[in-house]
Amino acid sequence: MLRPSADAADVNDPARRPRTGRAVAVLVLVTLAALIPLLGPPAALDGTGEAAAPGVGGIALLRGVLFAALCVPLGELFVLRLTRRLPGSPLERPRSRAAFANVAGFAAALLLASVVATGNLIPHSLGQIDVGGLYDSRDGRLALLEVNAFPVAALCARSRRPAAQVWPLSAVVVAEALRAHPVTEQSPLTGSGLTLVHLTCAALWAGGLLHTLRTLRQWHGDASGAALLGLYARVAAVLLAALTATGVCSALRRMPSATILDQLTTTAYGRTLLAKVILVAAVAVLALWARIRLRRAPDPLTAYAPARVEVIALGAVVAVSGLLTALPLPIRWS
């Protein structure tokens, strides 16, 4: 009888936010992330004289969903490994979203495979999809690998050993790295290796930060939260260095140093890459701000605020990355 009502608790606790407000905020962010790949191609291609493949906006959106589906479960596994290094940390863990993410990844991979099965055209009927033809091409076999890997990862996420999903998810990362660099490209294995490291580090950085913040919210201000955030920040610095190095090397392979300044403004790929670089730079500044707060502020958990903005910016980076994979590659000028 003496327990305060839910309304009274909300008034007395200014930090508490209505669930409806959080749901609306998430919906708005998801909508904005979807608009980047859908509305980005016309702006990126305007005035370049380049022609995009049919349905480039939809393909970019599906790629963005697939990348996000990799980030969530890999980030959860990464942070769970970090929490084991914190003695005395609370036993509570946020509810896993890995199974949902894997289902979303399966849907995106299935739709992308249907595009490959119609000769990289948008299918308008089921009769246009040649499923058997997927086995006859390299891109088709890689698409099938991704379609099969996500359901296996979803089953692993629901099993007693969710850590086993790292293997099918790794297969998806390898397939994406190989798909991004066809055998006709110069030194395709080098390019695939760079993409493999780049995509892995990006998934751990973005997904790891998201799950770290969810864990901090679950722990309700426990001192272990600041320790977890600091441990993640140290690893994230290494991930950022690897991301930067592999990103620069990949850009120089696609756009030689003598032409990169021109192509950054005159090609769709270069413009989108420039937008991604600016977003990553903003994320790096937010990460540095959070780390300074973590070290110098009287309450280390004040670093939670810039970290929340950082994870939103990382979501935009994922969406732009999906758009980048769907645009025509720049010309290697001699």
Foldseek 3Di string as FASTA:
>chain_A
DPDDDPVVVCVVDVVDDDPVVVVVVVVVLVVVLLCCLQVVPVVLAPQQPDDFAPPLSVQLSLQLLLLLLLLALLLVVLLVVLVVVQPPADPDADDGCNLVSLVSNLVSLVLVLQCVQQVNHRDPDPVSGDLVCLVVDLLSVLSVLSNVLSVVLSVCCPDPHNVVNVVSSLSNLLSVLQVLFDPVADPSVVSSVLSSLLSSLLSNLLNNLVRLLVGLVRRPQDPVSLVSLLVSLVVNVVSLVSNVVSLVVNLCSLEPPVCLVVCLPNHSLNVLVVVLVVLSVVLVVLSVVLNVCSPPPPRNCVSSVSSVVSSSSSSSSSSSVSSNSRGDGDDHDD
